[in-house]
């Protein structure tokens, strides 16, 4: 159990740092623009978890590696709470079309990239 907790914690540490670096490169919703940093993190995370789940199941990877990469790294890199908060921020700024476009495109692109990642790994 401790090994699993450490694997998830270390993965979250790496994923969180990568997520923060992405926010330094791309704009967020605070300035009234499309929240590219959250969108990119979630889209890349969906692609990565699709790839990883396909590859890790095929090679019968150890649970600690699976936990580190999927729950930890991808979980620390992606963010549902920021996704929702960015959508709310756009809505409150009365950027309704941008908010709807962001929320819908995030879900559609996320599912599509998850599917693509899993297909590429097969």
C-alpha atoms as a PDB file:
ATOM      1  CA  UNK A   1       0.000   0.000   0.000  1.00  0.00           C
ATOM      2  CA  UNK A   2       2.795   2.433   0.874  1.00  0.00           C
ATOM      3  CA  UNK A   3       4.524   1.704  -2.424  1.00  0.00           C
ATOM      4  CA  UNK A   4       1.298   2.505  -4.311  1.00  0.00           C
ATOM      5  CA  UNK A   5       0.818   5.752  -2.381  1.00  0.00           C
ATOM      6  CA  UNK A   6       4.385   6.808  -3.116  1.00  0.00           C
ATOM      7  CA  UNK A   7       3.989   5.974  -6.806  1.00  0.00           C
ATOM      8  CA  UNK A   8       0.863   8.130  -7.068  1.00  0.00           C
ATOM      9  CA  UNK A   9       2.406  10.940  -5.006  1.00  0.00           C
ATOM     10  CA  UNK A  10       5.601  11.060  -7.076  1.00  0.00           C
ATOM     11  CA  UNK A  11       3.589  11.002 -10.297  1.00  0.00           C
ATOM     12  CA  UNK A  12       1.406  13.874  -9.058  1.00  0.00           C
ATOM     13  CA  UNK A  13       4.533  15.828  -8.160  1.00  0.00           C
ATOM     14  CA  UNK A  14       5.908  15.517 -11.694  1.00  0.00           C
ATOM     15  CA  UNK A  15       2.511  16.079 -13.342  1.00  0.00           C
ATOM     16  CA  UNK A  16       1.803  19.151 -11.217  1.00  0.00           C
ATOM     17  CA  UNK A  17       5.131  20.722 -12.112  1.00  0.00           C
ATOM     18  CA  UNK A  18       4.555  20.065 -15.810  1.00  0.00           C
ATOM     19  CA  UNK A  19       1.060  21.549 -15.510  1.00  0.00           C
ATOM     20  CA  UNK A  20       2.438  24.692 -13.863  1.00  0.00           C
ATOM     21  CA  UNK A  21       5.078  25.083 -16.581  1.00  0.00           C
ATOM     22  CA  UNK A  22       2.343  24.854 -19.194  1.00  0.00           C
ATOM     23  CA  UNK A  23       0.435  27.697 -17.510  1.00  0.00           C
ATOM     24  CA  UNK A  24       3.544  29.850 -17.856  1.00  0.00           C
ATOM     25  CA  UNK A  25       3.591  29.218 -21.609  1.00  0.00           C
ATOM     26  CA  UNK A  26      -0.085  29.540 -22.511  1.00  0.00           C
ATOM     27  CA  UNK A  27      -2.801  32.042 -21.512  1.00  0.00           C
ATOM     28  CA  UNK A  28      -5.575  31.281 -19.038  1.00  0.00           C
ATOM     29  CA  UNK A  29      -9.174  32.465 -18.678  1.00  0.00           C
ATOM     30  CA  UNK A  30      -8.423  35.220 -16.168  1.00  0.00           C
ATOM     31  CA  UNK A  31      -7.749  37.761 -18.908  1.00  0.00           C
ATOM     32  CA  UNK A  32     -10.950  36.943 -20.802  1.00  0.00           C
ATOM     33  CA  UNK A  33      -9.285  34.804 -23.427  1.00  0.00           C
ATOM     34  CA  UNK A  34      -9.774  31.148 -24.250  1.00  0.00           C
ATOM     35  CA  UNK A  35      -8.022  29.154 -21.478  1.00  0.00           C
ATOM     36  CA  UNK A  36      -5.448  27.458 -23.685  1.00  0.00           C
ATOM     37  CA  UNK A  37      -3.295  26.214 -20.800  1.00  0.00           C
ATOM     38  CA  UNK A  38      -6.113  24.206 -19.207  1.00  0.00           C
ATOM     39  CA  UNK A  39      -7.391  23.047 -22.589  1.00  0.00           C
ATOM     40  CA  UNK A  40      -3.915  21.864 -23.647  1.00  0.00           C
ATOM     41  CA  UNK A  41      -3.216  20.128 -20.329  1.00  0.00           C
ATOM     42  CA  UNK A  42      -6.491  18.241 -20.404  1.00  0.00           C
ATOM     43  CA  UNK A  43      -6.218  17.366 -24.120  1.00  0.00           C
ATOM     44  CA  UNK A  44      -2.619  16.160 -23.792  1.00  0.00           C
ATOM     45  CA  UNK A  45      -3.516  14.289 -20.614  1.00  0.00           C
ATOM     46  CA  UNK A  46      -6.368  12.480 -22.380  1.00  0.00           C
ATOM     47  CA  UNK A  47      -4.086  11.470 -25.245  1.00  0.00           C
ATOM     48  CA  UNK A  48      -1.379  10.354 -22.835  1.00  0.00           C
ATOM     49  CA  UNK A  49      -3.684   8.319 -20.595  1.00  0.00           C
ATOM     50  CA  UNK A  50      -5.157   6.642 -23.678  1.00  0.00           C
ATOM     51  CA  UNK A  51      -1.676   5.735 -24.920  1.00  0.00           C
ATOM     52  CA  UNK A  52      -0.534   4.627 -21.481  1.00  0.00           C
ATOM     53  CA  UNK A  53      -3.572   2.506 -20.699  1.00  0.00           C
ATOM     54  CA  UNK A  54      -3.203   0.690 -24.004  1.00  0.00           C
ATOM     55  CA  UNK A  55       0.536   0.125 -23.700  1.00  0.00           C
ATOM     56  CA  UNK A  56       0.539  -0.732 -19.993  1.00  0.00           C
ATOM     57  CA  UNK A  57      -2.222  -3.306 -20.358  1.00  0.00           C
ATOM     58  CA  UNK A  58      -0.477  -4.909 -23.332  1.00  0.00           C
ATOM     59  CA  UNK A  59       2.882  -5.280 -21.585  1.00  0.00           C
ATOM     60  CA  UNK A  60       1.423  -6.273 -18.209  1.00  0.00           C
ATOM     61  CA  UNK A  61       3.208  -3.405 -16.442  1.00  0.00           C
ATOM     62  CA  UNK A  62       3.601  -3.469 -12.654  1.00  0.00           C
ATOM     63  CA  UNK A  63       0.854  -1.747 -10.681  1.00  0.00           C
ATOM     64  CA  UNK A  64       3.275   0.833  -9.275  1.00  0.00           C
ATOM     65  CA  UNK A  65       4.282   1.945 -12.776  1.00  0.00           C
ATOM     66  CA  UNK A  66       0.647   2.110 -13.884  1.00  0.00           C
ATOM     67  CA  UNK A  67      -0.277   4.121 -10.790  1.00  0.00           C
ATOM     68  CA  UNK A  68       2.692   6.471 -11.219  1.00  0.00           C
ATOM     69  CA  UNK A  69       1.926   7.211 -14.885  1.00  0.00           C
ATOM     70  CA  UNK A  70      -1.879   7.226 -15.019  1.00  0.00           C
ATOM     71  CA  UNK A  71      -3.235   8.202 -11.604  1.00  0.00           C
ATOM     72  CA  UNK A  72      -0.180  10.222 -10.577  1.00  0.00           C
ATOM     73  CA  UNK A  73       1.366  11.862 -13.650  1.00  0.00           C
ATOM     74  CA  UNK A  74      -1.787  12.250 -15.744  1.00  0.00           C
ATOM     75  CA  UNK A  75      -3.906  13.045 -12.691  1.00  0.00           C
ATOM     76  CA  UNK A  76      -1.475  15.721 -11.527  1.00  0.00           C
ATOM     77  CA  UNK A  77      -1.135  17.172 -15.027  1.00  0.00           C
ATOM     78  CA  UNK A  78      -4.819  17.387 -15.932  1.00  0.00           C
ATOM     79  CA  UNK A  79      -7.380  19.303 -13.950  1.00  0.00           C
ATOM     80  CA  UNK A  80     -11.142  19.065 -13.916  1.00  0.00           C
ATOM     81  CA  UNK A  81     -11.556  21.731 -11.264  1.00  0.00           C
ATOM     82  CA  UNK A  82      -9.629  24.323 -13.290  1.00  0.00           C
ATOM     83  CA  UNK A  83     -11.592  23.301 -16.384  1.00  0.00           C
ATOM     84  CA  UNK A  84     -14.847  24.108 -14.600  1.00  0.00           C
ATOM     85  CA  UNK A  85     -13.459  27.267 -12.965  1.00  0.00           C
ATOM     86  CA  UNK A  86     -12.216  28.588 -16.320  1.00  0.00           C
ATOM     87  CA  UNK A  87     -15.625  27.960 -17.869  1.00  0.00           C
ATOM     88  CA  UNK A  88     -17.277  29.819 -14.993  1.00  0.00           C
ATOM     89  CA  UNK A  89     -14.818  32.727 -15.295  1.00  0.00           C
ATOM     90  CA  UNK A  90     -15.617  33.113 -18.991  1.00  0.00           C
ATOM     91  CA  UNK A  91     -19.335  32.920 -18.245  1.00  0.00           C
ATOM     92  CA  UNK A  92     -19.080  35.575 -15.521  1.00  0.00           C
ATOM     93  CA  UNK A  93     -17.250  37.864 -17.934  1.00  0.00           C
ATOM     94  CA  UNK A  94     -20.291  37.453 -20.193  1.00  0.00           C
ATOM     95  CA  UNK A  95     -18.231  35.656 -22.807  1.00  0.00           C
ATOM     96  CA  UNK A  96     -20.986  33.107 -23.253  1.00  0.00           C
ATOM     97  CA  UNK A  97     -19.989  31.865 -26.701  1.00  0.00           C
ATOM     98  CA  UNK A  98     -16.359  31.453 -25.638  1.00  0.00           C
ATOM     99  CA  UNK A  99     -17.430  29.621 -22.464  1.00  0.00           C
ATOM    100  CA  UNK A 100     -19.666  27.215 -24.362  1.00  0.00           C
ATOM    101  CA  UNK A 101     -17.027  26.679 -27.064  1.00  0.00           C
ATOM    102  CA  UNK A 102     -14.386  25.989 -24.410  1.00  0.00           C
ATOM    103  CA  UNK A 103     -16.507  23.576 -22.368  1.00  0.00           C
ATOM    104  CA  UNK A 104     -17.838  21.648 -25.361  1.00  0.00           C
ATOM    105  CA  UNK A 105     -14.563  21.508 -27.285  1.00  0.00           C
ATOM    106  CA  UNK A 106     -12.709  20.339 -24.164  1.00  0.00           C
ATOM    107  CA  UNK A 107     -15.055  17.390 -23.744  1.00  0.00           C
ATOM    108  CA  UNK A 108     -15.162  16.465 -27.425  1.00  0.00           C
ATOM    109  CA  UNK A 109     -11.409  16.804 -27.948  1.00  0.00           C
ATOM    110  CA  UNK A 110     -10.710  14.983 -24.671  1.00  0.00           C
ATOM    111  CA  UNK A 111     -12.802  11.960 -25.624  1.00  0.00           C
ATOM    112  CA  UNK A 112     -11.409  11.937 -29.163  1.00  0.00           C
ATOM    113  CA  UNK A 113      -7.794  12.073 -27.975  1.00  0.00           C
ATOM    114  CA  UNK A 114      -8.366   9.404 -25.340  1.00  0.00           C
ATOM    115  CA  UNK A 115      -9.787   7.148 -28.053  1.00  0.00           C
ATOM    116  CA  UNK A 116      -6.936   8.011 -30.433  1.00  0.00           C
ATOM    117  CA  UNK A 117      -4.302   7.346 -27.795  1.00  0.00           C
ATOM    118  CA  UNK A 118      -5.774   3.975 -26.984  1.00  0.00           C
ATOM    119  CA  UNK A 119      -5.986   3.083 -30.690  1.00  0.00           C
ATOM    120  CA  UNK A 120      -2.384   4.148 -31.291  1.00  0.00           C
ATOM    121  CA  UNK A 121      -1.210   1.989 -28.409  1.00  0.00           C
ATOM    122  CA  UNK A 122      -3.028  -1.105 -29.681  1.00  0.00           C
END
